[in-house]
Amino acid sequence: MSTEINEKDMIDAFKDSLAVKDKIKARVILTYIEAVSKKVQKRLLFELVRSDLEFQLPLLIFLLDQHQSFCQSFKVVEETLIAHAIDYPDHFANVINTEEINNPSLVITIAEKAKETQQVFE
């Protein structure tokens, strides 16, 4: 059995899952984000942050929870979550109550960082 990933197909499948708002398929694809090239990783993140807020929030938190080393390399994940916590606190707070979030403490940590960031700009 070959474990080689066709990166073009992966990007196309991810874009399709975003277009139809299929969180399950998008999450499965993101499970393999560390198995592809940096170029494809950047493209997947680009497509994800372009999707609507309610769709992308749980997926970004999933990345932060399940792919911590990846998120260390791509600070845009945490930065985007912090920005969303500042700009859309109600949406952000609602995410903690979804079944998709395994580790609610991550959401709390992001909210704390958002508060600190907001205080810097006041």
C-alpha atoms as a PDB file:
ATOM      1  CA  MET A   1       0.000   0.000   0.000  1.00  0.00           C
ATOM      2  CA  SER A   2       1.429   3.375  -1.029  1.00  0.00           C
ATOM      3  CA  THR A   3       1.354   6.225   1.467  1.00  0.00           C
ATOM      4  CA  GLU A   4       2.345   8.851  -1.064  1.00  0.00           C
ATOM      5  CA  ILE A   5      -0.033  11.807  -1.089  1.00  0.00           C
ATOM      6  CA  ASN A   6      -1.010  13.476  -4.329  1.00  0.00           C
ATOM      7  CA  GLU A   7      -0.696  17.103  -3.253  1.00  0.00           C
ATOM      8  CA  LYS A   8      -2.740  18.552  -6.092  1.00  0.00           C
ATOM      9  CA  ASP A   9      -5.605  16.182  -5.331  1.00  0.00           C
ATOM     10  CA  MET A  10      -5.302  17.082  -1.656  1.00  0.00           C
ATOM     11  CA  ILE A  11      -5.626  20.803  -2.393  1.00  0.00           C
ATOM     12  CA  ASP A  12      -8.556  20.210  -4.739  1.00  0.00           C
ATOM     13  CA  ALA A  13     -10.325  17.968  -2.212  1.00  0.00           C
ATOM     14  CA  PHE A  14      -9.760  20.540   0.519  1.00  0.00           C
ATOM     15  CA  LYS A  15     -11.131  23.359  -1.619  1.00  0.00           C
ATOM     16  CA  ASP A  16     -14.148  21.208  -2.436  1.00  0.00           C
ATOM     17  CA  SER A  17     -14.747  20.461   1.255  1.00  0.00           C
ATOM     18  CA  LEU A  18     -14.595  24.188   2.007  1.00  0.00           C
ATOM     19  CA  ALA A  19     -17.000  24.996  -0.817  1.00  0.00           C
ATOM     20  CA  VAL A  20     -19.645  22.595   0.504  1.00  0.00           C
ATOM     21  CA  LYS A  21     -18.759  23.242   4.164  1.00  0.00           C
ATOM     22  CA  ASP A  22     -17.900  19.605   4.852  1.00  0.00           C
ATOM     23  CA  LYS A  23     -16.053  19.901   8.186  1.00  0.00           C
ATOM     24  CA  ILE A  24     -15.478  16.183   8.490  1.00  0.00           C
ATOM     25  CA  LYS A  25     -13.722  15.915   5.126  1.00  0.00           C
ATOM     26  CA  ALA A  26     -11.741  19.109   5.769  1.00  0.00           C
ATOM     27  CA  ARG A  27     -10.633  17.798   9.158  1.00  0.00           C
ATOM     28  CA  VAL A  28      -9.550  14.460   7.677  1.00  0.00           C
ATOM     29  CA  ILE A  29      -7.488  16.282   5.064  1.00  0.00           C
ATOM     30  CA  LEU A  30      -5.915  18.524   7.720  1.00  0.00           C
ATOM     31  CA  THR A  31      -4.908  15.391   9.615  1.00  0.00           C
ATOM     32  CA  TYR A  32      -2.279  14.883   6.905  1.00  0.00           C
ATOM     33  CA  ILE A  33      -1.019  18.471   6.783  1.00  0.00           C
ATOM     34  CA  GLU A  34       2.387  17.540   8.167  1.00  0.00           C
ATOM     35  CA  ALA A  35       2.864  14.881   5.472  1.00  0.00           C
ATOM     36  CA  VAL A  36       2.964  17.353   2.580  1.00  0.00           C
ATOM     37  CA  SER A  37       5.376  20.012   1.367  1.00  0.00           C
ATOM     38  CA  LYS A  38       5.596  23.476   2.959  1.00  0.00           C
ATOM     39  CA  LYS A  39       4.146  24.927  -0.233  1.00  0.00           C
ATOM     40  CA  VAL A  40       1.024  22.783   0.086  1.00  0.00           C
ATOM     41  CA  GLN A  41       0.800  23.473   3.818  1.00  0.00           C
ATOM     42  CA  LYS A  42       0.772  27.203   3.080  1.00  0.00           C
ATOM     43  CA  ARG A  43      -1.863  26.729   0.398  1.00  0.00           C
ATOM     44  CA  LEU A  44      -4.126  24.708   2.703  1.00  0.00           C
ATOM     45  CA  LEU A  45      -3.847  27.380   5.396  1.00  0.00           C
ATOM     46  CA  PHE A  46      -4.509  30.103   2.837  1.00  0.00           C
ATOM     47  CA  GLU A  47      -7.665  28.362   1.685  1.00  0.00           C
ATOM     48  CA  LEU A  48      -8.771  27.702   5.263  1.00  0.00           C
ATOM     49  CA  VAL A  49      -8.437  31.291   6.483  1.00  0.00           C
ATOM     50  CA  ARG A  50     -10.388  32.457   3.443  1.00  0.00           C
ATOM     51  CA  SER A  51     -13.367  30.305   4.426  1.00  0.00           C
ATOM     52  CA  ASP A  52     -16.168  31.650   6.574  1.00  0.00           C
ATOM     53  CA  LEU A  53     -15.519  32.269  10.241  1.00  0.00           C
ATOM     54  CA  GLU A  54     -17.818  29.646  11.741  1.00  0.00           C
ATOM     55  CA  PHE A  55     -16.338  26.992   9.466  1.00  0.00           C
ATOM     56  CA  GLN A  56     -12.680  27.833   9.972  1.00  0.00           C
ATOM     57  CA  LEU A  57     -12.603  28.413  13.739  1.00  0.00           C
ATOM     58  CA  PRO A  58     -12.995  24.789  14.853  1.00  0.00           C
ATOM     59  CA  LEU A  59     -10.587  23.647  12.142  1.00  0.00           C
ATOM     60  CA  LEU A  60      -7.930  26.144  13.234  1.00  0.00           C
ATOM     61  CA  ILE A  61      -8.361  25.011  16.831  1.00  0.00           C
ATOM     62  CA  PHE A  62      -8.104  21.396  15.653  1.00  0.00           C
ATOM     63  CA  LEU A  63      -4.767  22.250  14.026  1.00  0.00           C
ATOM     64  CA  LEU A  64      -3.554  23.954  17.186  1.00  0.00           C
ATOM     65  CA  ASP A  65      -4.598  20.956  19.275  1.00  0.00           C
ATOM     66  CA  GLN A  66      -3.503  18.074  17.053  1.00  0.00           C
ATOM     67  CA  HIS A  67      -0.571  19.571  15.138  1.00  0.00           C
ATOM     68  CA  GLN A  68       1.319  21.672  17.653  1.00  0.00           C
ATOM     69  CA  SER A  69       4.691  21.391  15.951  1.00  0.00           C
ATOM     70  CA  PHE A  70       3.121  22.455  12.670  1.00  0.00           C
ATOM     71  CA  CYS A  71       1.531  25.478  14.370  1.00  0.00           C
ATOM     72  CA  GLN A  72       4.917  26.410  15.834  1.00  0.00           C
ATOM     73  CA  SER A  73       6.182  26.745  12.258  1.00  0.00           C
ATOM     74  CA  PHE A  74       3.060  28.518  11.036  1.00  0.00           C
ATOM     75  CA  LYS A  75       2.280  31.217  13.601  1.00  0.00           C
ATOM     76  CA  VAL A  76      -0.569  32.384  11.370  1.00  0.00           C
ATOM     77  CA  VAL A  77      -2.794  29.736  12.960  1.00  0.00           C
ATOM     78  CA  GLU A  78      -2.504  31.186  16.457  1.00  0.00           C
ATOM     79  CA  GLU A  79      -2.437  34.782  15.183  1.00  0.00           C
ATOM     80  CA  THR A  80      -5.651  34.230  13.217  1.00  0.00           C
ATOM     81  CA  LEU A  81      -7.336  32.692  16.248  1.00  0.00           C
ATOM     82  CA  ILE A  82      -6.262  35.636  18.430  1.00  0.00           C
ATOM     83  CA  ALA A  83      -7.583  38.095  15.845  1.00  0.00           C
ATOM     84  CA  HIS A  84     -10.904  36.240  15.692  1.00  0.00           C
ATOM     85  CA  ALA A  85     -11.157  36.224  19.488  1.00  0.00           C
ATOM     86  CA  ILE A  86     -10.734  40.018  19.459  1.00  0.00           C
ATOM     87  CA  ASP A  87     -12.924  40.780  16.452  1.00  0.00           C
ATOM     88  CA  TYR A  88     -15.635  38.137  16.943  1.00  0.00           C
ATOM     89  CA  PRO A  89     -15.781  37.272  20.669  1.00  0.00           C
ATOM     90  CA  ASP A  90     -19.287  35.794  20.465  1.00  0.00           C
ATOM     91  CA  HIS A  91     -18.376  33.396  17.656  1.00  0.00           C
ATOM     92  CA  PHE A  92     -15.175  32.516  19.417  1.00  0.00           C
ATOM     93  CA  ALA A  93     -16.967  31.826  22.707  1.00  0.00           C
ATOM     94  CA  ASN A  94     -19.515  29.591  20.936  1.00  0.00           C
ATOM     95  CA  VAL A  95     -16.746  27.359  19.594  1.00  0.00           C
ATOM     96  CA  ILE A  96     -15.911  26.102  23.078  1.00  0.00           C
ATOM     97  CA  ASN A  97     -19.338  24.449  23.305  1.00  0.00           C
ATOM     98  CA  THR A  98     -18.999  22.392  20.135  1.00  0.00           C
ATOM     99  CA  GLU A  99     -18.232  18.693  20.053  1.00  0.00           C
ATOM    100  CA  GLU A 100     -15.375  19.369  17.645  1.00  0.00           C
ATOM    101  CA  ILE A 101     -13.153  20.879  20.325  1.00  0.00           C
ATOM    102  CA  ASN A 102     -11.350  18.204  22.326  1.00  0.00           C
ATOM    103  CA  ASN A 103      -9.305  20.561  24.458  1.00  0.00           C
ATOM    104  CA  PRO A 104     -11.281  23.643  25.592  1.00  0.00           C
ATOM    105  CA  SER A 105      -8.214  24.917  27.445  1.00  0.00           C
ATOM    106  CA  LEU A 106      -6.717  25.848  24.059  1.00  0.00           C
ATOM    107  CA  VAL A 107      -9.640  28.184  23.433  1.00  0.00           C
ATOM    108  CA  ILE A 108      -9.180  29.716  26.876  1.00  0.00           C
ATOM    109  CA  THR A 109      -5.449  30.207  26.248  1.00  0.00           C
ATOM    110  CA  ILE A 110      -6.175  31.945  22.935  1.00  0.00           C
ATOM    111  CA  ALA A 111      -8.795  34.151  24.641  1.00  0.00           C
ATOM    112  CA  GLU A 112      -6.236  35.135  27.288  1.00  0.00           C
ATOM    113  CA  LYS A 113      -3.674  36.005  24.608  1.00  0.00           C
ATOM    114  CA  ALA A 114      -6.341  38.035  22.792  1.00  0.00           C
ATOM    115  CA  LYS A 115      -7.078  39.949  25.969  1.00  0.00           C
ATOM    116  CA  GLU A 116      -3.379  40.666  26.494  1.00  0.00           C
ATOM    117  CA  THR A 117      -3.035  41.788  22.880  1.00  0.00           C
ATOM    118  CA  GLN A 118      -6.072  44.036  23.183  1.00  0.00           C
ATOM    119  CA  GLN A 119      -4.694  45.639  26.355  1.00  0.00           C
ATOM    120  CA  VAL A 120      -1.464  46.499  24.536  1.00  0.00           C
ATOM    121  CA  PHE A 121      -3.446  48.503  21.969  1.00  0.00           C
ATOM    122  CA  GLU A 122      -5.663  50.347  24.464  1.00  0.00           C
END
